[in-house]
Amino acid sequence: MTRVRVIAASAAAAAATRWIQLPAHYLDGDRDFIVQGTDHARLDAELRQWALQLRGTMILPGCGHWTRQERPAEVTAALADFASSLDSPRHP
């Protein structure tokens, strides 16, 4: 089974249960084995099926699994933006 199918199967299973109902933001590196070679628009769409308040996805180019260690400034900025979005109305 390809990674895309695993992600799609996981998203489909999660969609049925609506697992995440809190604000969320997905951040990963494009060299992480979880998302490497995945269509990022499709990943975003699938994540939104089970993360009802997904504020966004961010895929860091040239970054692997250890985003915090590899890109600390970008991860910190993304977390700060996400935290500030919690005071805003839900994004469409």
PDB file of N, CA and C in Angstrom:
ATOM      1  N   MET A   1       0.851  -1.178   0.000  1.00  0.00           N
ATOM      2  CA  MET A   1       0.000   0.000   0.000  1.00  0.00           C
ATOM      3  C   MET A   1       0.896   1.240   0.000  1.00  0.00           C
ATOM      4  N   THR A   2       0.615   2.181  -0.876  1.00  0.00           N
ATOM      5  CA  THR A   2       1.430   3.390  -0.933  1.00  0.00           C
ATOM      6  C   THR A   2       1.112   4.309   0.234  1.00  0.00           C
ATOM      7  N   ARG A   3       2.027   5.250   0.476  1.00  0.00           N
ATOM      8  CA  ARG A   3       1.807   6.205   1.572  1.00  0.00           C
ATOM      9  C   ARG A   3       0.534   7.008   1.357  1.00  0.00           C
ATOM     10  N   VAL A   4       0.269   7.397   0.101  1.00  0.00           N
ATOM     11  CA  VAL A   4      -0.939   8.184  -0.176  1.00  0.00           C
ATOM     12  C   VAL A   4      -2.174   7.386   0.205  1.00  0.00           C
ATOM     13  N   ARG A   5      -2.168   6.099  -0.125  1.00  0.00           N
ATOM     14  CA  ARG A   5      -3.317   5.270   0.226  1.00  0.00           C
ATOM     15  C   ARG A   5      -3.449   5.114   1.738  1.00  0.00           C
ATOM     16  N   VAL A   6      -2.317   4.999   2.431  1.00  0.00           N
ATOM     17  CA  VAL A   6      -2.357   4.896   3.890  1.00  0.00           C
ATOM     18  C   VAL A   6      -2.933   6.173   4.477  1.00  0.00           C
ATOM     19  N   ILE A   7      -2.458   7.315   3.990  1.00  0.00           N
ATOM     20  CA  ILE A   7      -2.984   8.596   4.478  1.00  0.00           C
ATOM     21  C   ILE A   7      -4.461   8.706   4.148  1.00  0.00           C
ATOM     22  N   ALA A   8      -4.847   8.339   2.917  1.00  0.00           N
ATOM     23  CA  ALA A   8      -6.247   8.419   2.507  1.00  0.00           C
ATOM     24  C   ALA A   8      -7.111   7.489   3.356  1.00  0.00           C
ATOM     25  N   ALA A   9      -6.623   6.273   3.603  1.00  0.00           N
ATOM     26  CA  ALA A   9      -7.379   5.326   4.420  1.00  0.00           C
ATOM     27  C   ALA A   9      -7.522   5.844   5.847  1.00  0.00           C
ATOM     28  N   SER A  10      -6.445   6.408   6.381  1.00  0.00           N
ATOM     29  CA  SER A  10      -6.496   6.972   7.730  1.00  0.00           C
ATOM     30  C   SER A  10      -7.457   8.141   7.790  1.00  0.00           C
ATOM     31  N   ALA A  11      -7.400   9.000   6.784  1.00  0.00           N
ATOM     32  CA  ALA A  11      -8.284  10.168   6.745  1.00  0.00           C
ATOM     33  C   ALA A  11      -9.735   9.718   6.624  1.00  0.00           C
ATOM     34  N   ALA A  12      -9.996   8.707   5.805  1.00  0.00           N
ATOM     35  CA  ALA A  12     -11.364   8.215   5.632  1.00  0.00           C
ATOM     36  C   ALA A  12     -11.895   7.628   6.936  1.00  0.00           C
ATOM     37  N   ALA A  13     -11.061   6.861   7.628  1.00  0.00           N
ATOM     38  CA  ALA A  13     -11.478   6.274   8.899  1.00  0.00           C
ATOM     39  C   ALA A  13     -11.717   7.359   9.936  1.00  0.00           C
ATOM     40  N   ALA A  14     -10.845   8.337   9.954  1.00  0.00           N
ATOM     41  CA  ALA A  14     -10.993   9.429  10.915  1.00  0.00           C
ATOM     42  C   ALA A  14     -12.210  10.272  10.599  1.00  0.00           C
ATOM     43  N   ALA A  15     -12.494  10.469   9.314  1.00  0.00           N
ATOM     44  CA  ALA A  15     -13.651  11.283   8.915  1.00  0.00           C
ATOM     45  C   ALA A  15     -14.940  10.695   9.458  1.00  0.00           C
ATOM     46  N   ALA A  16     -15.001   9.381   9.505  1.00  0.00           N
ATOM     47  CA  ALA A  16     -16.203   8.729   9.997  1.00  0.00           C
ATOM     48  C   ALA A  16     -16.417   8.999  11.481  1.00  0.00           C
ATOM     49  N   THR A  17     -15.351   9.237  12.223  1.00  0.00           N
ATOM     50  CA  THR A  17     -15.467   9.465  13.657  1.00  0.00           C
ATOM     51  C   THR A  17     -15.273  10.927  14.046  1.00  0.00           C
ATOM     52  N   ARG A  18     -14.817  11.758  13.091  1.00  0.00           N
ATOM     53  CA  ARG A  18     -14.576  13.186  13.369  1.00  0.00           C
ATOM     54  C   ARG A  18     -13.685  13.346  14.584  1.00  0.00           C
ATOM     55  N   TRP A  19     -12.498  12.786  14.514  1.00  0.00           N
ATOM     56  CA  TRP A  19     -11.607  12.729  15.653  1.00  0.00           C
ATOM     57  C   TRP A  19     -11.182  14.078  16.211  1.00  0.00           C
ATOM     58  N   ILE A  20     -10.775  14.992  15.366  1.00  0.00           N
ATOM     59  CA  ILE A  20     -10.199  16.243  15.866  1.00  0.00           C
ATOM     60  C   ILE A  20     -11.199  17.373  15.663  1.00  0.00           C
ATOM     61  N   GLN A  21     -11.723  17.875  16.762  1.00  0.00           N
ATOM     62  CA  GLN A  21     -12.699  18.954  16.686  1.00  0.00           C
ATOM     63  C   GLN A  21     -12.153  20.253  17.270  1.00  0.00           C
ATOM     64  N   LEU A  22     -10.876  20.287  17.549  1.00  0.00           N
ATOM     65  CA  LEU A  22     -10.210  21.485  18.054  1.00  0.00           C
ATOM     66  C   LEU A  22      -9.428  22.141  16.923  1.00  0.00           C
ATOM     67  N   PRO A  23      -9.094  23.423  17.053  1.00  0.00           N
ATOM     68  CA  PRO A  23      -8.257  24.060  16.036  1.00  0.00           C
ATOM     69  C   PRO A  23      -6.946  23.287  15.867  1.00  0.00           C
ATOM     70  N   ALA A  24      -6.513  23.134  14.623  1.00  0.00           N
ATOM     71  CA  ALA A  24      -5.307  22.363  14.327  1.00  0.00           C
ATOM     72  C   ALA A  24      -4.558  23.005  13.166  1.00  0.00           C
ATOM     73  N   HIS A  25      -3.269  22.708  13.100  1.00  0.00           N
ATOM     74  CA  HIS A  25      -2.428  23.148  11.979  1.00  0.00           C
ATOM     75  C   HIS A  25      -1.438  22.022  11.716  1.00  0.00           C
ATOM     76  N   TYR A  26      -1.300  21.615  10.460  1.00  0.00           N
ATOM     77  CA  TYR A  26      -0.399  20.524  10.098  1.00  0.00           C
ATOM     78  C   TYR A  26       0.890  21.110   9.539  1.00  0.00           C
ATOM     79  N   LEU A  27       2.014  20.712  10.110  1.00  0.00           N
ATOM     80  CA  LEU A  27       3.320  21.193   9.677  1.00  0.00           C
ATOM     81  C   LEU A  27       4.245  19.996   9.513  1.00  0.00           C
ATOM     82  N   ASP A  28       4.918  19.926   8.378  1.00  0.00           N
ATOM     83  CA  ASP A  28       5.826  18.818   8.118  1.00  0.00           C
ATOM     84  C   ASP A  28       6.852  19.261   7.091  1.00  0.00           C
ATOM     85  N   GLY A  29       7.887  18.467   6.914  1.00  0.00           N
ATOM     86  CA  GLY A  29       8.883  18.719   5.884  1.00  0.00           C
ATOM     87  C   GLY A  29       8.601  17.864   4.661  1.00  0.00           C
ATOM     88  N   ASP A  30       8.913  18.375   3.489  1.00  0.00           N
ATOM     89  CA  ASP A  30       8.615  17.611   2.268  1.00  0.00           C
ATOM     90  C   ASP A  30       9.508  16.385   2.110  1.00  0.00           C
ATOM     91  N   ARG A  31      10.557  16.279   2.923  1.00  0.00           N
ATOM     92  CA  ARG A  31      11.420  15.094   2.878  1.00  0.00           C
ATOM     93  C   ARG A  31      11.077  14.081   3.969  1.00  0.00           C
ATOM     94  N   ASP A  32      10.049  14.373   4.756  1.00  0.00           N
ATOM     95  CA  ASP A  32       9.576  13.413   5.747  1.00  0.00           C
ATOM     96  C   ASP A  32       8.945  12.243   5.004  1.00  0.00           C
ATOM     97  N   PHE A  33       9.253  11.034   5.408  1.00  0.00           N
ATOM     98  CA  PHE A  33       8.736   9.853   4.707  1.00  0.00           C
ATOM     99  C   PHE A  33       7.217   9.790   4.723  1.00  0.00           C
ATOM    100  N   ILE A  34       6.567  10.450   5.662  1.00  0.00           N
ATOM    101  CA  ILE A  34       5.104  10.441   5.737  1.00  0.00           C
ATOM    102  C   ILE A  34       4.483  11.168   4.545  1.00  0.00           C
ATOM    103  N   VAL A  35       5.066  12.290   4.136  1.00  0.00           N
ATOM    104  CA  VAL A  35       4.462  13.088   3.063  1.00  0.00           C
ATOM    105  C   VAL A  35       5.295  13.146   1.789  1.00  0.00           C
ATOM    106  N   GLN A  36       6.470  12.559   1.812  1.00  0.00           N
ATOM    107  CA  GLN A  36       7.349  12.633   0.646  1.00  0.00           C
ATOM    108  C   GLN A  36       6.636  12.037  -0.579  1.00  0.00           C
ATOM    109  N   GLY A  37       6.573  12.825  -1.640  1.00  0.00           N
ATOM    110  CA  GLY A  37       5.935  12.380  -2.868  1.00  0.00           C
ATOM    111  C   GLY A  37       4.423  12.508  -2.874  1.00  0.00           C
ATOM    112  N   THR A  38       3.858  13.061  -1.818  1.00  0.00           N
ATOM    113  CA  THR A  38       2.407  13.225  -1.718  1.00  0.00           C
ATOM    114  C   THR A  38       1.989  14.548  -2.346  1.00  0.00           C
ATOM    115  N   ASP A  39       0.853  14.542  -3.007  1.00  0.00           N
ATOM    116  CA  ASP A  39       0.261  15.774  -3.524  1.00  0.00           C
ATOM    117  C   ASP A  39      -0.222  16.581  -2.316  1.00  0.00           C
ATOM    118  N   HIS A  40       0.395  17.726  -2.082  1.00  0.00           N
ATOM    119  CA  HIS A  40       0.101  18.487  -0.862  1.00  0.00           C
ATOM    120  C   HIS A  40      -1.317  19.049  -0.847  1.00  0.00           C
ATOM    121  N   ALA A  41      -1.871  19.390  -1.998  1.00  0.00           N
ATOM    122  CA  ALA A  41      -3.258  19.861  -2.040  1.00  0.00           C
ATOM    123  C   ALA A  41      -4.206  18.732  -1.627  1.00  0.00           C
ATOM    124  N   ARG A  42      -3.902  17.529  -2.080  1.00  0.00           N
ATOM    125  CA  ARG A  42      -4.731  16.373  -1.710  1.00  0.00           C
ATOM    126  C   ARG A  42      -4.592  16.073  -0.217  1.00  0.00           C
ATOM    127  N   LEU A  43      -3.363  16.162   0.290  1.00  0.00           N
ATOM    128  CA  LEU A  43      -3.139  15.949   1.718  1.00  0.00           C
ATOM    129  C   LEU A  43      -3.964  16.940   2.535  1.00  0.00           C
ATOM    130  N   ASP A  44      -3.923  18.213   2.141  1.00  0.00           N
ATOM    131  CA  ASP A  44      -4.685  19.244   2.845  1.00  0.00           C
ATOM    132  C   ASP A  44      -6.174  18.907   2.827  1.00  0.00           C
ATOM    133  N   ALA A  45      -6.692  18.531   1.668  1.00  0.00           N
ATOM    134  CA  ALA A  45      -8.110  18.200   1.544  1.00  0.00           C
ATOM    135  C   ALA A  45      -8.478  17.007   2.432  1.00  0.00           C
ATOM    136  N   GLU A  46      -7.614  16.003   2.465  1.00  0.00           N
ATOM    137  CA  GLU A  46      -7.894  14.830   3.281  1.00  0.00           C
ATOM    138  C   GLU A  46      -7.807  15.134   4.770  1.00  0.00           C
ATOM    139  N   LEU A  47      -6.854  15.956   5.155  1.00  0.00           N
ATOM    140  CA  LEU A  47      -6.745  16.336   6.564  1.00  0.00           C
ATOM    141  C   LEU A  47      -7.990  17.094   7.014  1.00  0.00           C
ATOM    142  N   ARG A  48      -8.531  17.918   6.149  1.00  0.00           N
ATOM    143  CA  ARG A  48      -9.722  18.711   6.493  1.00  0.00           C
ATOM    144  C   ARG A  48     -10.958  17.833   6.705  1.00  0.00           C
ATOM    145  N   GLN A  49     -10.927  16.612   6.193  1.00  0.00           N
ATOM    146  CA  GLN A  49     -12.061  15.708   6.398  1.00  0.00           C
ATOM    147  C   GLN A  49     -12.180  15.279   7.853  1.00  0.00           C
ATOM    148  N   TRP A  50     -11.065  15.196   8.549  1.00  0.00           N
ATOM    149  CA  TRP A  50     -11.134  14.740   9.935  1.00  0.00           C
ATOM    150  C   TRP A  50     -10.629  15.740  10.947  1.00  0.00           C
ATOM    151  N   ALA A  51     -10.015  16.814  10.509  1.00  0.00           N
ATOM    152  CA  ALA A  51      -9.648  17.911  11.411  1.00  0.00           C
ATOM    153  C   ALA A  51     -10.575  19.068  11.053  1.00  0.00           C
ATOM    154  N   LEU A  52     -11.691  19.136  11.744  1.00  0.00           N
ATOM    155  CA  LEU A  52     -12.771  20.036  11.357  1.00  0.00           C
ATOM    156  C   LEU A  52     -12.386  21.506  11.413  1.00  0.00           C
ATOM    157  N   GLN A  53     -11.443  21.837  12.248  1.00  0.00           N
ATOM    158  CA  GLN A  53     -11.007  23.227  12.368  1.00  0.00           C
ATOM    159  C   GLN A  53      -9.549  23.381  11.947  1.00  0.00           C
ATOM    160  N   LEU A  54      -9.155  22.671  10.905  1.00  0.00           N
ATOM    161  CA  LEU A  54      -7.786  22.785  10.414  1.00  0.00           C
ATOM    162  C   LEU A  54      -7.558  24.202   9.915  1.00  0.00           C
ATOM    163  N   ARG A  55      -6.603  24.893  10.530  1.00  0.00           N
ATOM    164  CA  ARG A  55      -6.317  26.279  10.163  1.00  0.00           C
ATOM    165  C   ARG A  55      -5.380  26.360   8.973  1.00  0.00           C
ATOM    166  N   GLY A  56      -4.720  25.256   8.648  1.00  0.00           N
ATOM    167  CA  GLY A  56      -3.835  25.267   7.496  1.00  0.00           C
ATOM    168  C   GLY A  56      -2.837  24.129   7.545  1.00  0.00           C
ATOM    169  N   THR A  57      -2.151  23.963   6.434  1.00  0.00           N
ATOM    170  CA  THR A  57      -1.058  23.011   6.359  1.00  0.00           C
ATOM    171  C   THR A  57       0.167  23.756   5.862  1.00  0.00           C
ATOM    172  N   MET A  58       1.315  23.332   6.326  1.00  0.00           N
ATOM    173  CA  MET A  58       2.567  23.944   5.903  1.00  0.00           C
ATOM    174  C   MET A  58       3.571  22.830   5.685  1.00  0.00           C
ATOM    175  N   ILE A  59       4.074  22.740   4.471  1.00  0.00           N
ATOM    176  CA  ILE A  59       5.085  21.752   4.134  1.00  0.00           C
ATOM    177  C   ILE A  59       6.377  22.518   3.862  1.00  0.00           C
ATOM    178  N   LEU A  60       7.393  22.286   4.679  1.00  0.00           N
ATOM    179  CA  LEU A  60       8.657  23.002   4.556  1.00  0.00           C
ATOM    180  C   LEU A  60       9.545  22.327   3.511  1.00  0.00           C
ATOM    181  N   PRO A  61       9.888  23.037   2.434  1.00  0.00           N
ATOM    182  CA  PRO A  61      10.733  22.452   1.386  1.00  0.00           C
ATOM    183  C   PRO A  61      12.134  22.116   1.916  1.00  0.00           C
ATOM    184  N   GLY A  62      12.624  20.952   1.518  1.00  0.00           N
ATOM    185  CA  GLY A  62      13.970  20.549   1.902  1.00  0.00           C
ATOM    186  C   GLY A  62      14.125  20.132   3.349  1.00  0.00           C
ATOM    187  N   CYS A  63      13.027  19.978   4.045  1.00  0.00           N
ATOM    188  CA  CYS A  63      13.059  19.639   5.471  1.00  0.00           C
ATOM    189  C   CYS A  63      12.558  18.208   5.652  1.00  0.00           C
ATOM    190  N   GLY A  64      13.130  17.510   6.611  1.00  0.00           N
ATOM    191  CA  GLY A  64      12.741  16.140   6.892  1.00  0.00           C
ATOM    192  C   GLY A  64      11.740  16.043   8.029  1.00  0.00           C
ATOM    193  N   HIS A  65      11.798  14.943   8.753  1.00  0.00           N
ATOM    194  CA  HIS A  65      10.854  14.648   9.830  1.00  0.00           C
ATOM    195  C   HIS A  65      11.063  15.537  11.058  1.00  0.00           C
ATOM    196  N   TRP A  66      12.287  15.909  11.333  1.00  0.00           N
ATOM    197  CA  TRP A  66      12.613  16.647  12.557  1.00  0.00           C
ATOM    198  C   TRP A  66      12.515  18.155  12.312  1.00  0.00           C
ATOM    199  N   THR A  67      11.325  18.627  12.028  1.00  0.00           N
ATOM    200  CA  THR A  67      11.111  20.024  11.632  1.00  0.00           C
ATOM    201  C   THR A  67      11.629  21.010  12.675  1.00  0.00           C
ATOM    202  N   ARG A  68      11.403  20.737  13.933  1.00  0.00           N
ATOM    203  CA  ARG A  68      11.813  21.677  14.989  1.00  0.00           C
ATOM    204  C   ARG A  68      13.326  21.832  15.045  1.00  0.00           C
ATOM    205  N   GLN A  69      14.040  20.735  14.804  1.00  0.00           N
ATOM    206  CA  GLN A  69      15.489  20.809  14.844  1.00  0.00           C
ATOM    207  C   GLN A  69      16.063  21.369  13.535  1.00  0.00           C
ATOM    208  N   GLU A  70      15.428  21.027  12.423  1.00  0.00           N
ATOM    209  CA  GLU A  70      15.950  21.441  11.127  1.00  0.00           C
ATOM    210  C   GLU A  70      15.590  22.886  10.766  1.00  0.00           C
ATOM    211  N   ARG A  71      14.451  23.350  11.189  1.00  0.00           N
ATOM    212  CA  ARG A  71      13.975  24.693  10.841  1.00  0.00           C
ATOM    213  C   ARG A  71      13.319  25.382  12.045  1.00  0.00           C
ATOM    214  N   PRO A  72      14.070  25.595  13.113  1.00  0.00           N
ATOM    215  CA  PRO A  72      13.460  26.131  14.335  1.00  0.00           C
ATOM    216  C   PRO A  72      12.777  27.487  14.155  1.00  0.00           C
ATOM    217  N   ALA A  73      13.359  28.380  13.391  1.00  0.00           N
ATOM    218  CA  ALA A  73      12.758  29.708  13.234  1.00  0.00           C
ATOM    219  C   ALA A  73      11.431  29.621  12.492  1.00  0.00           C
ATOM    220  N   GLU A  74      11.374  28.817  11.429  1.00  0.00           N
ATOM    221  CA  GLU A  74      10.139  28.699  10.655  1.00  0.00           C
ATOM    222  C   GLU A  74       9.045  27.994  11.450  1.00  0.00           C
ATOM    223  N   VAL A  75       9.430  26.974  12.217  1.00  0.00           N
ATOM    224  CA  VAL A  75       8.450  26.261  13.031  1.00  0.00           C
ATOM    225  C   VAL A  75       7.915  27.182  14.129  1.00  0.00           C
ATOM    226  N   THR A  76       8.794  27.930  14.767  1.00  0.00           N
ATOM    227  CA  THR A  76       8.366  28.866  15.808  1.00  0.00           C
ATOM    228  C   THR A  76       7.413  29.911  15.239  1.00  0.00           C
ATOM    229  N   ALA A  77       7.730  30.452  14.066  1.00  0.00           N
ATOM    230  CA  ALA A  77       6.856  31.443  13.429  1.00  0.00           C
ATOM    231  C   ALA A  77       5.498  30.829  13.083  1.00  0.00           C
ATOM    232  N   ALA A  78       5.502  29.596  12.574  1.00  0.00           N
ATOM    233  CA  ALA A  78       4.245  28.928  12.229  1.00  0.00           C
ATOM    234  C   ALA A  78       3.399  28.681  13.475  1.00  0.00           C
ATOM    235  N   LEU A  79       4.048  28.269  14.572  1.00  0.00           N
ATOM    236  CA  LEU A  79       3.313  28.048  15.820  1.00  0.00           C
ATOM    237  C   LEU A  79       2.751  29.354  16.376  1.00  0.00           C
ATOM    238  N   ALA A  80       3.528  30.427  16.269  1.00  0.00           N
ATOM    239  CA  ALA A  80       3.053  31.731  16.737  1.00  0.00           C
ATOM    240  C   ALA A  80       1.856  32.201  15.907  1.00  0.00           C
ATOM    241  N   ASP A  81       1.932  32.020  14.589  1.00  0.00           N
ATOM    242  CA  ASP A  81       0.805  32.383  13.724  1.00  0.00           C
ATOM    243  C   ASP A  81      -0.432  31.565  14.069  1.00  0.00           C
ATOM    244  N   PHE A  82      -0.232  30.268  14.285  1.00  0.00           N
ATOM    245  CA  PHE A  82      -1.357  29.409  14.650  1.00  0.00           C
ATOM    246  C   PHE A  82      -1.962  29.855  15.978  1.00  0.00           C
ATOM    247  N   ALA A  83      -1.116  30.112  16.959  1.00  0.00           N
ATOM    248  CA  ALA A  83      -1.612  30.544  18.271  1.00  0.00           C
ATOM    249  C   ALA A  83      -2.394  31.840  18.170  1.00  0.00           C
ATOM    250  N   SER A  84      -1.902  32.784  17.359  1.00  0.00           N
ATOM    251  CA  SER A  84      -2.633  34.048  17.209  1.00  0.00           C
ATOM    252  C   SER A  84      -3.940  33.852  16.469  1.00  0.00           C
ATOM    253  N   SER A  85      -4.037  32.817  15.616  1.00  0.00           N
ATOM    254  CA  SER A  85      -5.275  32.556  14.882  1.00  0.00           C
ATOM    255  C   SER A  85      -6.362  32.043  15.810  1.00  0.00           C
ATOM    256  N   LEU A  86      -5.988  31.581  16.985  1.00  0.00           N
ATOM    257  CA  LEU A  86      -6.977  31.042  17.909  1.00  0.00           C
ATOM    258  C   LEU A  86      -7.884  32.139  18.457  1.00  0.00           C
ATOM    259  N   ASP A  87      -7.427  33.381  18.389  1.00  0.00           N
ATOM    260  CA  ASP A  87      -8.255  34.506  18.821  1.00  0.00           C
ATOM    261  C   ASP A  87      -9.135  35.028  17.696  1.00  0.00           C
ATOM    262  N   SER A  88      -8.943  34.480  16.484  1.00  0.00           N
ATOM    263  CA  SER A  88      -9.697  34.922  15.307  1.00  0.00           C
ATOM    264  C   SER A  88     -10.862  33.970  15.059  1.00  0.00           C
ATOM    265  N   PRO A  89     -11.865  34.460  14.326  1.00  0.00           N
ATOM    266  CA  PRO A  89     -12.929  33.539  13.928  1.00  0.00           C
ATOM    267  C   PRO A  89     -12.353  32.402  13.094  1.00  0.00           C
ATOM    268  N   ARG A  90     -13.058  31.317  13.055  1.00  0.00           N
ATOM    269  CA  ARG A  90     -12.602  30.149  12.292  1.00  0.00           C
ATOM    270  C   ARG A  90     -12.390  30.511  10.847  1.00  0.00           C
ATOM    271  N   HIS A  91     -11.265  30.053  10.295  1.00  0.00           N
ATOM    272  CA  HIS A  91     -10.949  30.288   8.896  1.00  0.00           C
ATOM    273  C   HIS A  91     -11.893  29.477   8.037  1.00  0.00           C
ATOM    274  N   PRO A  92     -12.236  29.998   6.844  1.00  0.00           N
ATOM    275  CA  PRO A  92     -13.132  29.223   5.974  1.00  0.00           C
ATOM    276  C   PRO A  92     -12.486  27.951   5.482  1.00  0.00           C
TER     277      PRO A  92
END
